[in-house]
N, C-alpha and C. Protein backbone atom coordinates (compact mmCIF):
# COMPACT_ATOMS: atom_id res chain seq x y z
N MET A 1 -36.07 -43.50 -6.01
CA MET A 1 -36.07 -42.47 -4.99
C MET A 1 -34.65 -42.00 -4.69
N ALA A 2 -33.71 -42.95 -4.55
CA ALA A 2 -32.32 -42.61 -4.25
C ALA A 2 -31.68 -41.86 -5.40
N ASP A 3 -32.01 -42.27 -6.64
CA ASP A 3 -31.46 -41.59 -7.81
C ASP A 3 -31.92 -40.14 -7.88
N GLN A 4 -33.15 -39.89 -7.49
CA GLN A 4 -33.68 -38.53 -7.50
C GLN A 4 -32.95 -37.66 -6.48
N GLY A 5 -32.67 -38.20 -5.31
CA GLY A 5 -31.93 -37.47 -4.28
C GLY A 5 -30.51 -37.17 -4.72
N THR A 6 -29.88 -38.13 -5.38
CA THR A 6 -28.53 -37.93 -5.89
C THR A 6 -28.51 -36.83 -6.94
N GLU A 7 -29.48 -36.83 -7.82
CA GLU A 7 -29.57 -35.82 -8.88
C GLU A 7 -29.80 -34.42 -8.29
N THR A 8 -30.64 -34.33 -7.28
CA THR A 8 -30.89 -33.05 -6.61
C THR A 8 -29.62 -32.54 -5.95
N GLU A 9 -28.90 -33.42 -5.30
CA GLU A 9 -27.64 -33.03 -4.65
C GLU A 9 -26.63 -32.56 -5.70
N ARG A 10 -26.55 -33.26 -6.82
CA ARG A 10 -25.62 -32.88 -7.89
C ARG A 10 -25.96 -31.49 -8.42
N ARG A 11 -27.23 -31.21 -8.60
CA ARG A 11 -27.66 -29.89 -9.08
C ARG A 11 -27.29 -28.79 -8.08
N GLU A 12 -27.48 -29.05 -6.80
CA GLU A 12 -27.15 -28.07 -5.78
C GLU A 12 -25.65 -27.77 -5.76
N ILE A 13 -24.84 -28.81 -5.87
CA ILE A 13 -23.39 -28.63 -5.89
C ILE A 13 -22.97 -27.85 -7.13
N THR A 14 -23.53 -28.20 -8.28
CA THR A 14 -23.23 -27.48 -9.51
C THR A 14 -23.62 -26.02 -9.40
N SER A 15 -24.76 -25.75 -8.81
CA SER A 15 -25.22 -24.38 -8.62
C SER A 15 -24.27 -23.60 -7.73
N GLN A 16 -23.79 -24.23 -6.67
CA GLN A 16 -22.84 -23.58 -5.75
C GLN A 16 -21.52 -23.28 -6.45
N ILE A 17 -21.05 -24.21 -7.26
CA ILE A 17 -19.80 -24.00 -8.00
C ILE A 17 -19.95 -22.84 -8.98
N LEU A 18 -21.04 -22.81 -9.71
CA LEU A 18 -21.28 -21.74 -10.67
C LEU A 18 -21.38 -20.39 -9.97
N SER A 19 -22.04 -20.36 -8.85
CA SER A 19 -22.17 -19.12 -8.09
C SER A 19 -20.81 -18.63 -7.62
N SER A 20 -19.99 -19.54 -7.13
CA SER A 20 -18.65 -19.20 -6.67
C SER A 20 -17.80 -18.66 -7.81
N ARG A 21 -17.87 -19.29 -8.96
CA ARG A 21 -17.10 -18.83 -10.13
C ARG A 21 -17.59 -17.48 -10.62
N ARG A 22 -18.88 -17.27 -10.58
CA ARG A 22 -19.45 -15.99 -11.00
C ARG A 22 -18.94 -14.87 -10.10
N GLU A 23 -18.92 -15.14 -8.80
CA GLU A 23 -18.43 -14.16 -7.83
C GLU A 23 -16.95 -13.86 -8.05
N ALA A 24 -16.15 -14.90 -8.31
CA ALA A 24 -14.73 -14.71 -8.56
C ALA A 24 -14.52 -13.87 -9.82
N LEU A 25 -15.28 -14.12 -10.88
CA LEU A 25 -15.16 -13.34 -12.10
C LEU A 25 -15.55 -11.88 -11.87
N PHE A 26 -16.56 -11.66 -11.05
CA PHE A 26 -16.98 -10.30 -10.71
C PHE A 26 -15.85 -9.57 -9.99
N GLU A 27 -15.19 -10.25 -9.05
CA GLU A 27 -14.10 -9.64 -8.30
C GLU A 27 -12.90 -9.35 -9.20
N ILE A 28 -12.59 -10.27 -10.10
CA ILE A 28 -11.48 -10.06 -11.04
C ILE A 28 -11.79 -8.91 -11.97
N ASP A 29 -13.02 -8.83 -12.45
CA ASP A 29 -13.43 -7.72 -13.31
C ASP A 29 -13.26 -6.39 -12.59
N GLY A 30 -13.61 -6.36 -11.31
CA GLY A 30 -13.44 -5.15 -10.51
C GLY A 30 -11.98 -4.76 -10.40
N ALA A 31 -11.09 -5.74 -10.22
CA ALA A 31 -9.66 -5.47 -10.13
C ALA A 31 -9.14 -4.92 -11.46
N LEU A 32 -9.61 -5.48 -12.57
CA LEU A 32 -9.19 -4.99 -13.89
C LEU A 32 -9.65 -3.55 -14.12
N LYS A 33 -10.84 -3.23 -13.68
CA LYS A 33 -11.33 -1.85 -13.80
C LYS A 33 -10.46 -0.90 -12.99
N LYS A 34 -10.05 -1.34 -11.78
CA LYS A 34 -9.18 -0.51 -10.94
C LYS A 34 -7.84 -0.28 -11.62
N ILE A 35 -7.31 -1.30 -12.28
CA ILE A 35 -6.05 -1.13 -13.00
C ILE A 35 -6.20 -0.05 -14.06
N ASN A 36 -7.29 -0.10 -14.81
CA ASN A 36 -7.54 0.89 -15.86
C ASN A 36 -7.72 2.29 -15.30
N GLN A 37 -8.23 2.40 -14.09
CA GLN A 37 -8.46 3.70 -13.45
C GLN A 37 -7.24 4.18 -12.67
N GLY A 38 -6.22 3.34 -12.57
CA GLY A 38 -5.03 3.70 -11.81
C GLY A 38 -5.23 3.60 -10.31
N LYS A 39 -6.23 2.83 -9.88
CA LYS A 39 -6.54 2.72 -8.46
C LYS A 39 -6.26 1.33 -7.90
N TYR A 40 -5.64 0.47 -8.70
CA TYR A 40 -5.38 -0.89 -8.24
C TYR A 40 -4.37 -0.85 -7.10
N GLY A 41 -4.63 -1.65 -6.07
CA GLY A 41 -3.72 -1.74 -4.93
C GLY A 41 -4.03 -0.76 -3.82
N LEU A 42 -5.10 0.01 -3.99
CA LEU A 42 -5.51 0.95 -2.94
C LEU A 42 -6.77 0.44 -2.26
N CYS A 43 -6.79 0.54 -0.96
CA CYS A 43 -7.93 0.11 -0.16
C CYS A 43 -9.15 0.96 -0.49
N GLU A 44 -10.30 0.32 -0.65
CA GLU A 44 -11.54 1.04 -0.97
C GLU A 44 -12.08 1.81 0.23
N ARG A 45 -11.65 1.50 1.44
CA ARG A 45 -12.14 2.20 2.63
C ARG A 45 -11.25 3.36 3.03
N CYS A 46 -9.94 3.09 3.13
CA CYS A 46 -9.04 4.12 3.68
C CYS A 46 -8.12 4.74 2.63
N ASP A 47 -8.16 4.24 1.41
CA ASP A 47 -7.32 4.73 0.30
C ASP A 47 -5.83 4.53 0.52
N LYS A 48 -5.44 3.74 1.49
CA LYS A 48 -4.02 3.44 1.71
C LYS A 48 -3.65 2.23 0.86
N PRO A 49 -2.37 2.10 0.53
CA PRO A 49 -1.94 0.95 -0.27
C PRO A 49 -2.22 -0.39 0.42
N ILE A 50 -2.63 -1.36 -0.37
CA ILE A 50 -2.80 -2.73 0.10
C ILE A 50 -1.43 -3.39 0.00
N GLY A 51 -1.04 -4.12 1.01
CA GLY A 51 0.28 -4.75 1.04
C GLY A 51 0.54 -5.65 -0.15
N LYS A 52 1.78 -5.65 -0.63
CA LYS A 52 2.16 -6.46 -1.79
C LYS A 52 1.94 -7.95 -1.54
N ARG A 53 2.24 -8.40 -0.31
CA ARG A 53 2.03 -9.83 0.01
C ARG A 53 0.56 -10.18 -0.10
N ARG A 54 -0.32 -9.29 0.36
CA ARG A 54 -1.76 -9.55 0.27
C ARG A 54 -2.21 -9.59 -1.18
N LEU A 55 -1.73 -8.65 -1.98
CA LEU A 55 -2.11 -8.62 -3.40
C LEU A 55 -1.56 -9.83 -4.15
N LYS A 56 -0.38 -10.30 -3.75
CA LYS A 56 0.18 -11.48 -4.39
C LYS A 56 -0.68 -12.71 -4.10
N PHE A 57 -1.16 -12.80 -2.87
CA PHE A 57 -2.00 -13.92 -2.46
C PHE A 57 -3.43 -13.77 -2.97
N LEU A 58 -3.93 -12.54 -2.97
CA LEU A 58 -5.32 -12.26 -3.34
C LEU A 58 -5.35 -11.03 -4.26
N PRO A 59 -5.03 -11.20 -5.55
CA PRO A 59 -4.91 -10.06 -6.47
C PRO A 59 -6.16 -9.19 -6.57
N GLN A 60 -7.31 -9.75 -6.26
CA GLN A 60 -8.55 -8.97 -6.35
C GLN A 60 -8.94 -8.34 -5.02
N ALA A 61 -8.00 -8.30 -4.07
CA ALA A 61 -8.28 -7.73 -2.74
C ALA A 61 -8.78 -6.29 -2.88
N ARG A 62 -9.83 -5.98 -2.16
CA ARG A 62 -10.42 -4.65 -2.20
C ARG A 62 -10.03 -3.81 -0.99
N TYR A 63 -9.59 -4.47 0.07
CA TYR A 63 -9.30 -3.76 1.32
C TYR A 63 -7.93 -4.16 1.85
N CYS A 64 -7.29 -3.25 2.57
CA CYS A 64 -6.04 -3.57 3.25
C CYS A 64 -6.37 -4.51 4.42
N MET A 65 -5.34 -5.04 5.03
CA MET A 65 -5.56 -5.98 6.13
C MET A 65 -6.36 -5.34 7.27
N LYS A 66 -6.02 -4.12 7.61
CA LYS A 66 -6.68 -3.43 8.71
C LYS A 66 -8.18 -3.28 8.44
N CYS A 67 -8.53 -2.81 7.25
CA CYS A 67 -9.94 -2.58 6.90
C CYS A 67 -10.72 -3.85 6.61
N SER A 68 -10.01 -4.93 6.28
CA SER A 68 -10.70 -6.18 5.98
C SER A 68 -11.13 -6.92 7.25
N GLY A 69 -10.54 -6.51 8.37
CA GLY A 69 -10.90 -7.15 9.64
C GLY A 69 -10.18 -8.46 9.87
N VAL A 70 -9.16 -8.74 9.06
CA VAL A 70 -8.40 -9.98 9.21
C VAL A 70 -7.30 -9.79 10.21
């Protein structure tokens, strides 16, 4: 019984990790597309430049600090 619970927990953790990685790859792919379109570094809401410090910390950032609500 305990082994079954451990296996279920392991599967859930693995699923969460895979989901997180999939999401990160999706965001990186979006940033690469923006680079190709010449739109990288521009906020998707207000079209203003995203700060260099933010992009350095989060290269796949889609919004400036103001629009992200941070």
